[in-house]
Amino acid sequence: MIINNDNNRSFTRMDVNCRVRFKLNGSNDLKYGTLHNLSAQGLSFHTSEDLPQNTELFIEVNSSGLDVPPLLANARVLRCDKGINGEFEIACSMQISA
């Protein structure tokens, strides 16, 4: 475990800029966003969707490299903030599936 004492987080966040696909639990409708940052237990992304706190999601992030499998995770919305450009910044906790 990497300890980052600067902001009291257990894991360091990595800045990322790539596409994320997600769906609400119980739905088959895929929605899209842009991943902003990622850590071992959470992530944040921008999307046009307003997602209430505690919404359960299934998230998929594909890398651009063929040798790296996609990140598949169950996530729960911790926070949803409306940005100045009309998109929402979603912060989630996650549990990696595969």
PDB file of N, CA and C in Angstrom:
ATOM      1  N   MET A   1       0.842  -1.171   0.000  1.00  0.00           N
ATOM      2  CA  MET A   1       0.000   0.000   0.000  1.00  0.00           C
ATOM      3  C   MET A   1       0.887   1.234   0.000  1.00  0.00           C
ATOM      4  N   ILE A   2       0.571   2.198  -0.859  1.00  0.00           N
ATOM      5  CA  ILE A   2       1.304   3.457  -0.915  1.00  0.00           C
ATOM      6  C   ILE A   2       0.553   4.474  -0.067  1.00  0.00           C
ATOM      7  N   ILE A   3       1.247   5.095   0.856  1.00  0.00           N
ATOM      8  CA  ILE A   3       0.612   6.102   1.702  1.00  0.00           C
ATOM      9  C   ILE A   3       0.965   7.477   1.167  1.00  0.00           C
ATOM     10  N   ASN A   4      -0.037   8.296   0.934  1.00  0.00           N
ATOM     11  CA  ASN A   4       0.153   9.665   0.478  1.00  0.00           C
ATOM     12  C   ASN A   4      -0.292  10.577   1.612  1.00  0.00           C
ATOM     13  N   ASN A   5       0.658  11.162   2.336  1.00  0.00           N
ATOM     14  CA  ASN A   5       0.337  11.971   3.506  1.00  0.00           C
ATOM     15  C   ASN A   5      -0.121  13.381   3.151  1.00  0.00           C
ATOM     16  N   ASP A   6      -0.008  13.786   1.899  1.00  0.00           N
ATOM     17  CA  ASP A   6      -0.381  15.143   1.517  1.00  0.00           C
ATOM     18  C   ASP A   6      -1.867  15.402   1.654  1.00  0.00           C
ATOM     19  N   ASN A   7      -2.707  14.417   1.407  1.00  0.00           N
ATOM     20  CA  ASN A   7      -4.153  14.649   1.475  1.00  0.00           C
ATOM     21  C   ASN A   7      -4.886  13.545   2.229  1.00  0.00           C
ATOM     22  N   ASN A   8      -4.188  12.843   3.094  1.00  0.00           N
ATOM     23  CA  ASN A   8      -4.774  11.812   3.950  1.00  0.00           C
ATOM     24  C   ASN A   8      -5.411  10.661   3.173  1.00  0.00           C
ATOM     25  N   ARG A   9      -5.014  10.416   1.987  1.00  0.00           N
ATOM     26  CA  ARG A   9      -5.528   9.297   1.207  1.00  0.00           C
ATOM     27  C   ARG A   9      -4.609   8.094   1.413  1.00  0.00           C
ATOM     28  N   SER A  10      -5.212   6.904   1.387  1.00  0.00           N
ATOM     29  CA  SER A  10      -4.429   5.686   1.551  1.00  0.00           C
ATOM     30  C   SER A  10      -3.653   5.341   0.290  1.00  0.00           C
ATOM     31  N   PHE A  11      -4.182   5.710  -0.880  1.00  0.00           N
ATOM     32  CA  PHE A  11      -3.542   5.380  -2.140  1.00  0.00           C
ATOM     33  C   PHE A  11      -3.348   6.642  -2.969  1.00  0.00           C
ATOM     34  N   THR A  12      -2.255   6.695  -3.694  1.00  0.00           N
ATOM     35  CA  THR A  12      -1.967   7.820  -4.568  1.00  0.00           C
ATOM     36  C   THR A  12      -2.929   7.828  -5.749  1.00  0.00           C
ATOM     37  N   ARG A  13      -3.405   8.997  -6.124  1.00  0.00           N
ATOM     38  CA  ARG A  13      -4.253   9.134  -7.309  1.00  0.00           C
ATOM     39  C   ARG A  13      -3.372   9.427  -8.513  1.00  0.00           C
ATOM     40  N   MET A  14      -3.736   8.813  -9.635  1.00  0.00           N
ATOM     41  CA  MET A  14      -3.035   9.049 -10.888  1.00  0.00           C
ATOM     42  C   MET A  14      -3.951   9.838 -11.809  1.00  0.00           C
ATOM     43  N   ASP A  15      -3.419  10.898 -12.401  1.00  0.00           N
ATOM     44  CA  ASP A  15      -4.183  11.643 -13.388  1.00  0.00           C
ATOM     45  C   ASP A  15      -4.287  10.817 -14.657  1.00  0.00           C
ATOM     46  N   VAL A  16      -5.490  10.726 -15.191  1.00  0.00           N
ATOM     47  CA  VAL A  16      -5.760   9.918 -16.369  1.00  0.00           C
ATOM     48  C   VAL A  16      -6.695  10.712 -17.268  1.00  0.00           C
ATOM     49  N   ASN A  17      -6.566  10.537 -18.558  1.00  0.00           N
ATOM     50  CA  ASN A  17      -7.490  11.160 -19.495  1.00  0.00           C
ATOM     51  C   ASN A  17      -7.855  10.128 -20.548  1.00  0.00           C
ATOM     52  N   CYS A  18      -8.927   9.381 -20.291  1.00  0.00           N
ATOM     53  CA  CYS A  18      -9.374   8.379 -21.249  1.00  0.00           C
ATOM     54  C   CYS A  18     -10.877   8.168 -21.094  1.00  0.00           C
ATOM     55  N   ARG A  19     -11.441   7.487 -22.029  1.00  0.00           N
ATOM     56  CA  ARG A  19     -12.879   7.237 -22.038  1.00  0.00           C
ATOM     57  C   ARG A  19     -13.254   6.182 -20.995  1.00  0.00           C
ATOM     58  N   VAL A  20     -14.404   6.381 -20.364  1.00  0.00           N
ATOM     59  CA  VAL A  20     -14.945   5.405 -19.426  1.00  0.00           C
ATOM     60  C   VAL A  20     -16.369   5.085 -19.865  1.00  0.00           C
ATOM     61  N   ARG A  21     -16.715   3.806 -19.797  1.00  0.00           N
ATOM     62  CA  ARG A  21     -18.096   3.375 -20.055  1.00  0.00           C
ATOM     63  C   ARG A  21     -18.673   2.920 -18.732  1.00  0.00           C
ATOM     64  N   PHE A  22     -19.960   3.211 -18.528  1.00  0.00           N
ATOM     65  CA  PHE A  22     -20.580   2.776 -17.282  1.00  0.00           C
ATOM     66  C   PHE A  22     -22.064   2.541 -17.497  1.00  0.00           C
ATOM     67  N   LYS A  23     -22.621   1.765 -16.595  1.00  0.00           N
ATOM     68  CA  LYS A  23     -24.063   1.569 -16.579  1.00  0.00           C
ATOM     69  C   LYS A  23     -24.513   1.489 -15.133  1.00  0.00           C
ATOM     70  N   LEU A  24     -25.721   1.943 -14.895  1.00  0.00           N
ATOM     71  CA  LEU A  24     -26.303   1.867 -13.571  1.00  0.00           C
ATOM     72  C   LEU A  24     -26.672   0.422 -13.307  1.00  0.00           C
ATOM     73  N   ASN A  25     -26.507  -0.027 -12.066  1.00  0.00           N
ATOM     74  CA  ASN A  25     -26.884  -1.402 -11.734  1.00  0.00           C
ATOM     75  C   ASN A  25     -28.348  -1.623 -12.075  1.00  0.00           C
ATOM     76  N   GLY A  26     -28.629  -2.750 -12.708  1.00  0.00           N
ATOM     77  CA  GLY A  26     -29.983  -3.082 -13.114  1.00  0.00           C
ATOM     78  C   GLY A  26     -30.351  -2.557 -14.480  1.00  0.00           C
ATOM     79  N   SER A  27     -29.441  -1.850 -15.143  1.00  0.00           N
ATOM     80  CA  SER A  27     -29.706  -1.293 -16.469  1.00  0.00           C
ATOM     81  C   SER A  27     -28.701  -1.848 -17.468  1.00  0.00           C
ATOM     82  N   ASN A  28     -29.110  -1.935 -18.721  1.00  0.00           N
ATOM     83  CA  ASN A  28     -28.196  -2.330 -19.793  1.00  0.00           C
ATOM     84  C   ASN A  28     -27.786  -1.152 -20.661  1.00  0.00           C
ATOM     85  N   ASP A  29     -28.274   0.054 -20.335  1.00  0.00           N
ATOM     86  CA  ASP A  29     -27.947   1.253 -21.113  1.00  0.00           C
ATOM     87  C   ASP A  29     -26.540   1.727 -20.794  1.00  0.00           C
ATOM     88  N   LEU A  30     -25.662   1.693 -21.797  1.00  0.00           N
ATOM     89  CA  LEU A  30     -24.295   2.175 -21.612  1.00  0.00           C
ATOM     90  C   LEU A  30     -24.268   3.689 -21.671  1.00  0.00           C
ATOM     91  N   LYS A  31     -23.502   4.275 -20.775  1.00  0.00           N
ATOM     92  CA  LYS A  31     -23.296   5.713 -20.735  1.00  0.00           C
ATOM     93  C   LYS A  31     -21.793   5.942 -20.788  1.00  0.00           C
ATOM     94  N   TYR A  32     -21.392   7.160 -21.141  1.00  0.00           N
ATOM     95  CA  TYR A  32     -19.978   7.428 -21.374  1.00  0.00           C
ATOM     96  C   TYR A  32     -19.515   8.662 -20.621  1.00  0.00           C
ATOM     97  N   GLY A  33     -18.232   8.691 -20.347  1.00  0.00           N
ATOM     98  CA  GLY A  33     -17.620   9.839 -19.711  1.00  0.00           C
ATOM     99  C   GLY A  33     -16.128   9.838 -19.970  1.00  0.00           C
ATOM    100  N   THR A  34     -15.440  10.779 -19.338  1.00  0.00           N
ATOM    101  CA  THR A  34     -13.991  10.893 -19.450  1.00  0.00           C
ATOM    102  C   THR A  34     -13.380  10.739 -18.072  1.00  0.00           C
ATOM    103  N   LEU A  35     -12.538   9.725 -17.922  1.00  0.00           N
ATOM    104  CA  LEU A  35     -11.877   9.463 -16.653  1.00  0.00           C
ATOM    105  C   LEU A  35     -10.905  10.592 -16.350  1.00  0.00           C
ATOM    106  N   HIS A  36     -10.946  11.081 -15.122  1.00  0.00           N
ATOM    107  CA  HIS A  36     -10.112  12.200 -14.703  1.00  0.00           C
ATOM    108  C   HIS A  36      -8.941  11.727 -13.837  1.00  0.00           C
ATOM    109  N   ASN A  37      -9.235  10.887 -12.848  1.00  0.00           N
ATOM    110  CA  ASN A  37      -8.160  10.305 -12.048  1.00  0.00           C
ATOM    111  C   ASN A  37      -8.593   8.964 -11.486  1.00  0.00           C
ATOM    112  N   LEU A  38      -7.595   8.213 -11.011  1.00  0.00           N
ATOM    113  CA  LEU A  38      -7.798   6.827 -10.629  1.00  0.00           C
ATOM    114  C   LEU A  38      -6.863   6.480  -9.485  1.00  0.00           C
ATOM    115  N   SER A  39      -7.377   5.717  -8.509  1.00  0.00           N
ATOM    116  CA  SER A  39      -6.533   5.171  -7.452  1.00  0.00           C
ATOM    117  C   SER A  39      -6.946   3.717  -7.253  1.00  0.00           C
ATOM    118  N   ALA A  40      -6.358   3.052  -6.282  1.00  0.00           N
ATOM    119  CA  ALA A  40      -6.666   1.645  -6.050  1.00  0.00           C
ATOM    120  C   ALA A  40      -8.083   1.435  -5.537  1.00  0.00           C
ATOM    121  N   GLN A  41      -8.687   2.463  -4.943  1.00  0.00           N
ATOM    122  CA  GLN A  41     -10.015   2.300  -4.365  1.00  0.00           C
ATOM    123  C   GLN A  41     -11.052   3.303  -4.874  1.00  0.00           C
ATOM    124  N   GLY A  42     -10.691   4.141  -5.833  1.00  0.00           N
ATOM    125  CA  GLY A  42     -11.644   5.130  -6.303  1.00  0.00           C
ATOM    126  C   GLY A  42     -11.238   5.747  -7.615  1.00  0.00           C
ATOM    127  N   LEU A  43     -12.161   6.540  -8.151  1.00  0.00           N
ATOM    128  CA  LEU A  43     -11.921   7.224  -9.415  1.00  0.00           C
ATOM    129  C   LEU A  43     -12.845   8.417  -9.510  1.00  0.00           C
ATOM    130  N   SER A  44     -12.521   9.318 -10.427  1.00  0.00           N
ATOM    131  CA  SER A  44     -13.447  10.393 -10.747  1.00  0.00           C
ATOM    132  C   SER A  44     -13.476  10.557 -12.259  1.00  0.00           C
ATOM    133  N   PHE A  45     -14.647  10.933 -12.758  1.00  0.00           N
ATOM    134  CA  PHE A  45     -14.812  11.119 -14.190  1.00  0.00           C
ATOM    135  C   PHE A  45     -15.844  12.200 -14.452  1.00  0.00           C
ATOM    136  N   HIS A  46     -15.811  12.730 -15.669  1.00  0.00           N
ATOM    137  CA  HIS A  46     -16.762  13.739 -16.118  1.00  0.00           C
ATOM    138  C   HIS A  46     -17.768  13.081 -17.058  1.00  0.00           C
ATOM    139  N   THR A  47     -19.028  13.474 -16.943  1.00  0.00           N
ATOM    140  CA  THR A  47     -20.081  12.939 -17.796  1.00  0.00           C
ATOM    141  C   THR A  47     -21.227  13.938 -17.870  1.00  0.00           C
ATOM    142  N   SER A  48     -22.102  13.741 -18.818  1.00  0.00           N
ATOM    143  CA  SER A  48     -23.287  14.595 -18.927  1.00  0.00           C
ATOM    144  C   SER A  48     -24.399  14.133 -17.993  1.00  0.00           C
ATOM    145  N   GLU A  49     -24.204  13.001 -17.335  1.00  0.00           N
ATOM    146  CA  GLU A  49     -25.217  12.416 -16.455  1.00  0.00           C
ATOM    147  C   GLU A  49     -25.115  12.980 -15.038  1.00  0.00           C
ATOM    148  N   ASP A  50     -26.244  13.362 -14.465  1.00  0.00           N
ATOM    149  CA  ASP A  50     -26.331  13.772 -13.070  1.00  0.00           C
ATOM    150  C   ASP A  50     -26.632  12.512 -12.247  1.00  0.00           C
ATOM    151  N   LEU A  51     -25.654  12.029 -11.494  1.00  0.00           N
ATOM    152  CA  LEU A  51     -25.803  10.770 -10.759  1.00  0.00           C
ATOM    153  C   LEU A  51     -25.899  11.040  -9.261  1.00  0.00           C
ATOM    154  N   PRO A  52     -27.003  10.659  -8.635  1.00  0.00           N
ATOM    155  CA  PRO A  52     -27.166  10.894  -7.199  1.00  0.00           C
ATOM    156  C   PRO A  52     -26.153  10.107  -6.360  1.00  0.00           C
ATOM    157  N   GLN A  53     -25.863  10.640  -5.183  1.00  0.00           N
ATOM    158  CA  GLN A  53     -24.985   9.965  -4.233  1.00  0.00           C
ATOM    159  C   GLN A  53     -25.533   8.577  -3.930  1.00  0.00           C
ATOM    160  N   ASN A  54     -24.643   7.610  -3.785  1.00  0.00           N
ATOM    161  CA  ASN A  54     -24.918   6.196  -3.493  1.00  0.00           C
ATOM    162  C   ASN A  54     -25.452   5.414  -4.684  1.00  0.00           C
ATOM    163  N   THR A  55     -25.509   6.011  -5.877  1.00  0.00           N
ATOM    164  CA  THR A  55     -25.878   5.255  -7.076  1.00  0.00           C
ATOM    165  C   THR A  55     -24.820   4.183  -7.312  1.00  0.00           C
ATOM    166  N   GLU A  56     -25.265   2.963  -7.581  1.00  0.00           N
ATOM    167  CA  GLU A  56     -24.352   1.843  -7.854  1.00  0.00           C
ATOM    168  C   GLU A  56     -24.134   1.749  -9.362  1.00  0.00           C
ATOM    169  N   LEU A  57     -22.874   1.623  -9.760  1.00  0.00           N
ATOM    170  CA  LEU A  57     -22.487   1.577 -11.169  1.00  0.00           C
ATOM    171  C   LEU A  57     -21.612   0.366 -11.444  1.00  0.00           C
ATOM    172  N   PHE A  58     -21.551  -0.017 -12.712  1.00  0.00           N
ATOM    173  CA  PHE A  58     -20.527  -0.929 -13.201  1.00  0.00           C
ATOM    174  C   PHE A  58     -19.713  -0.135 -14.206  1.00  0.00           C
ATOM    175  N   ILE A  59     -18.399  -0.099 -14.026  1.00  0.00           N
ATOM    176  CA  ILE A  59     -17.514   0.762 -14.816  1.00  0.00           C
ATOM    177  C   ILE A  59     -16.525  -0.079 -15.606  1.00  0.00           C
ATOM    178  N   GLU A  60     -16.259   0.367 -16.843  1.00  0.00           N
ATOM    179  CA  GLU A  60     -15.244  -0.266 -17.686  1.00  0.00           C
ATOM    180  C   GLU A  60     -14.329   0.804 -18.253  1.00  0.00           C
ATOM    181  N   VAL A  61     -13.025   0.605 -18.059  1.00  0.00           N
ATOM    182  CA  VAL A  61     -12.015   1.504 -18.607  1.00  0.00           C
ATOM    183  C   VAL A  61     -11.072   0.653 -19.441  1.00  0.00           C
ATOM    184  N   ASN A  62     -10.973   0.964 -20.725  1.00  0.00           N
ATOM    185  CA  ASN A  62     -10.059   0.247 -21.617  1.00  0.00           C
ATOM    186  C   ASN A  62      -8.800   1.064 -21.811  1.00  0.00           C
ATOM    187  N   SER A  63      -7.664   0.396 -21.707  1.00  0.00           N
ATOM    188  CA  SER A  63      -6.400   1.079 -21.973  1.00  0.00           C
ATOM    189  C   SER A  63      -6.166   1.115 -23.474  1.00  0.00           C
ATOM    190  N   SER A  64      -5.249   1.942 -23.888  1.00  0.00           N
ATOM    191  CA  SER A  64      -4.925   1.993 -25.311  1.00  0.00           C
ATOM    192  C   SER A  64      -3.937   0.894 -25.694  1.00  0.00           C
ATOM    193  N   GLY A  65      -3.366   0.232 -24.698  1.00  0.00           N
ATOM    194  CA  GLY A  65      -2.418  -0.834 -24.982  1.00  0.00           C
ATOM    195  C   GLY A  65      -3.100  -2.182 -25.093  1.00  0.00           C
ATOM    196  N   LEU A  66      -2.696  -2.981 -26.041  1.00  0.00           N
ATOM    197  CA  LEU A  66      -3.302  -4.281 -26.258  1.00  0.00           C
ATOM    198  C   LEU A  66      -2.930  -5.290 -25.171  1.00  0.00           C
ATOM    199  N   ASP A  67      -1.825  -5.043 -24.484  1.00  0.00           N
ATOM    200  CA  ASP A  67      -1.353  -5.986 -23.470  1.00  0.00           C
ATOM    201  C   ASP A  67      -1.996  -5.767 -22.101  1.00  0.00           C
ATOM    202  N   VAL A  68      -2.745  -4.705 -21.945  1.00  0.00           N
ATOM    203  CA  VAL A  68      -3.353  -4.379 -20.658  1.00  0.00           C
ATOM    204  C   VAL A  68      -4.851  -4.655 -20.725  1.00  0.00           C
ATOM    205  N   PRO A  69      -5.342  -5.562 -19.880  1.00  0.00           N
ATOM    206  CA  PRO A  69      -6.781  -5.861 -19.900  1.00  0.00           C
ATOM    207  C   PRO A  69      -7.587  -4.668 -19.388  1.00  0.00           C
ATOM    208  N   PRO A  70      -8.869  -4.606 -19.713  1.00  0.00           N
ATOM    209  CA  PRO A  70      -9.691  -3.487 -19.230  1.00  0.00           C
ATOM    210  C   PRO A  70      -9.866  -3.540 -17.718  1.00  0.00           C
ATOM    211  N   LEU A  71     -10.059  -2.389 -17.130  1.00  0.00           N
ATOM    212  CA  LEU A  71     -10.409  -2.281 -15.725  1.00  0.00           C
ATOM    213  C   LEU A  71     -11.923  -2.429 -15.634  1.00  0.00           C
ATOM    214  N   LEU A  72     -12.387  -3.411 -14.890  1.00  0.00           N
ATOM    215  CA  LEU A  72     -13.810  -3.644 -14.665  1.00  0.00           C
ATOM    216  C   LEU A  72     -14.052  -3.494 -13.174  1.00  0.00           C
ATOM    217  N   ALA A  73     -15.006  -2.644 -12.787  1.00  0.00           N
ATOM    218  CA  ALA A  73     -15.199  -2.382 -11.363  1.00  0.00           C
ATOM    219  C   ALA A  73     -16.649  -2.067 -11.043  1.00  0.00           C
ATOM    220  N   ASN A  74     -17.058  -2.502  -9.865  1.00  0.00           N
ATOM    221  CA  ASN A  74     -18.315  -2.043  -9.286  1.00  0.00           C
ATOM    222  C   ASN A  74     -17.986  -0.766  -8.526  1.00  0.00           C
ATOM    223  N   ALA A  75     -18.832   0.239  -8.662  1.00  0.00           N
ATOM    224  CA  ALA A  75     -18.549   1.530  -8.047  1.00  0.00           C
ATOM    225  C   ALA A  75     -19.804   2.097  -7.399  1.00  0.00           C
ATOM    226  N   ARG A  76     -19.571   3.002  -6.461  1.00  0.00           N
ATOM    227  CA  ARG A  76     -20.664   3.701  -5.784  1.00  0.00           C
ATOM    228  C   ARG A  76     -20.347   5.191  -5.802  1.00  0.00           C
ATOM    229  N   VAL A  77     -21.315   5.994  -6.230  1.00  0.00           N
ATOM    230  CA  VAL A  77     -21.118   7.439  -6.326  1.00  0.00           C
ATOM    231  C   VAL A  77     -21.022   8.033  -4.919  1.00  0.00           C
ATOM    232  N   LEU A  78     -19.910   8.731  -4.686  1.00  0.00           N
ATOM    233  CA  LEU A  78     -19.709   9.427  -3.418  1.00  0.00           C
ATOM    234  C   LEU A  78     -20.131  10.891  -3.516  1.00  0.00           C
ATOM    235  N   ARG A  79     -19.909  11.456  -4.714  1.00  0.00           N
ATOM    236  CA  ARG A  79     -20.157  12.882  -4.908  1.00  0.00           C
ATOM    237  C   ARG A  79     -20.414  13.159  -6.376  1.00  0.00           C
ATOM    238  N   CYS A  80     -21.293  14.113  -6.644  1.00  0.00           N
ATOM    239  CA  CYS A  80     -21.572  14.566  -8.004  1.00  0.00           C
ATOM    240  C   CYS A  80     -21.630  16.081  -7.972  1.00  0.00           C
ATOM    241  N   ASP A  81     -20.683  16.723  -8.656  1.00  0.00           N
ATOM    242  CA  ASP A  81     -20.605  18.187  -8.682  1.00  0.00           C
ATOM    243  C   ASP A  81     -20.796  18.681 -10.109  1.00  0.00           C
ATOM    244  N   LYS A  82     -21.637  19.685 -10.282  1.00  0.00           N
ATOM    245  CA  LYS A  82     -21.848  20.255 -11.605  1.00  0.00           C
ATOM    246  C   LYS A  82     -20.717  21.204 -11.928  1.00  0.00           C
ATOM    247  N   GLY A  83     -20.114  21.007 -13.107  1.00  0.00           N
ATOM    248  CA  GLY A  83     -19.013  21.847 -13.542  1.00  0.00           C
ATOM    249  C   GLY A  83     -19.496  23.055 -14.309  1.00  0.00           C
ATOM    250  N   ILE A  84     -18.563  23.931 -14.643  1.00  0.00           N
ATOM    251  CA  ILE A  84     -18.917  25.163 -15.348  1.00  0.00           C
ATOM    252  C   ILE A  84     -19.306  24.916 -16.804  1.00  0.00           C
ATOM    253  N   ASN A  85     -18.918  23.791 -17.365  1.00  0.00           N
ATOM    254  CA  ASN A  85     -19.231  23.490 -18.760  1.00  0.00           C
ATOM    255  C   ASN A  85     -20.509  22.664 -18.909  1.00  0.00           C
ATOM    256  N   GLY A  86     -21.265  22.496 -17.840  1.00  0.00           N
ATOM    257  CA  GLY A  86     -22.508  21.735 -17.889  1.00  0.00           C
ATOM    258  C   GLY A  86     -22.352  20.252 -17.627  1.00  0.00           C
ATOM    259  N   GLU A  87     -21.116  19.759 -17.609  1.00  0.00           N
ATOM    260  CA  GLU A  87     -20.892  18.358 -17.273  1.00  0.00           C
ATOM    261  C   GLU A  87     -20.829  18.201 -15.767  1.00  0.00           C
ATOM    262  N   PHE A  88     -20.904  16.946 -15.332  1.00  0.00           N
ATOM    263  CA  PHE A  88     -20.842  16.631 -13.921  1.00  0.00           C
ATOM    264  C   PHE A  88     -19.546  15.895 -13.624  1.00  0.00           C
ATOM    265  N   GLU A  89     -18.920  16.217 -12.497  1.00  0.00           N
ATOM    266  CA  GLU A  89     -17.753  15.463 -12.036  1.00  0.00           C
ATOM    267  C   GLU A  89     -18.247  14.473 -10.994  1.00  0.00           C
ATOM    268  N   ILE A  90     -18.040  13.192 -11.288  1.00  0.00           N
ATOM    269  CA  ILE A  90     -18.509  12.106 -10.446  1.00  0.00           C
ATOM    270  C   ILE A  90     -17.312  11.509  -9.714  1.00  0.00           C
ATOM    271  N   ALA A  91     -17.387  11.437  -8.391  1.00  0.00           N
ATOM    272  CA  ALA A  91     -16.352  10.779  -7.589  1.00  0.00           C
ATOM    273  C   ALA A  91     -16.947   9.490  -7.046  1.00  0.00           C
ATOM    274  N   CYS A  92     -16.230   8.387  -7.206  1.00  0.00           N
ATOM    275  CA  CYS A  92     -16.734   7.067  -6.816  1.00  0.00           C
ATOM    276  C   CYS A  92     -15.712   6.295  -5.994  1.00  0.00           C
ATOM    277  N   SER A  93     -16.218   5.461  -5.107  1.00  0.00           N
ATOM    278  CA  SER A  93     -15.399   4.396  -4.536  1.00  0.00           C
ATOM    279  C   SER A  93     -15.598   3.197  -5.454  1.00  0.00           C
ATOM    280  N   MET A  94     -14.651   2.279  -5.463  1.00  0.00           N
ATOM    281  CA  MET A  94     -14.807   1.134  -6.371  1.00  0.00           C
ATOM    282  C   MET A  94     -14.193  -0.114  -5.792  1.00  0.00           C
ATOM    283  N   GLN A  95     -14.684  -1.238  -6.303  1.00  0.00           N
ATOM    284  CA  GLN A  95     -14.126  -2.556  -6.035  1.00  0.00           C
ATOM    285  C   GLN A  95     -13.870  -3.199  -7.386  1.00  0.00           C
ATOM    286  N   ILE A  96     -12.638  -3.519  -7.656  1.00  0.00           N
ATOM    287  CA  ILE A  96     -12.241  -4.058  -8.953  1.00  0.00           C
ATOM    288  C   ILE A  96     -12.770  -5.486  -9.090  1.00  0.00           C
ATOM    289  N   SER A  97     -13.382  -5.750 -10.268  1.00  0.00           N
ATOM    290  CA  SER A  97     -13.979  -7.067 -10.542  1.00  0.00           C
ATOM    291  C   SER A  97     -13.001  -8.015 -11.201  1.00  0.00           C
ATOM    292  N   ALA A  98     -12.226  -7.508 -12.138  1.00  0.00           N
ATOM    293  CA  ALA A  98     -11.289  -8.367 -12.863  1.00  0.00           C
ATOM    294  C   ALA A  98     -10.106  -7.569 -13.333  1.00  0.00           C
TER     295      ALA A  98
END
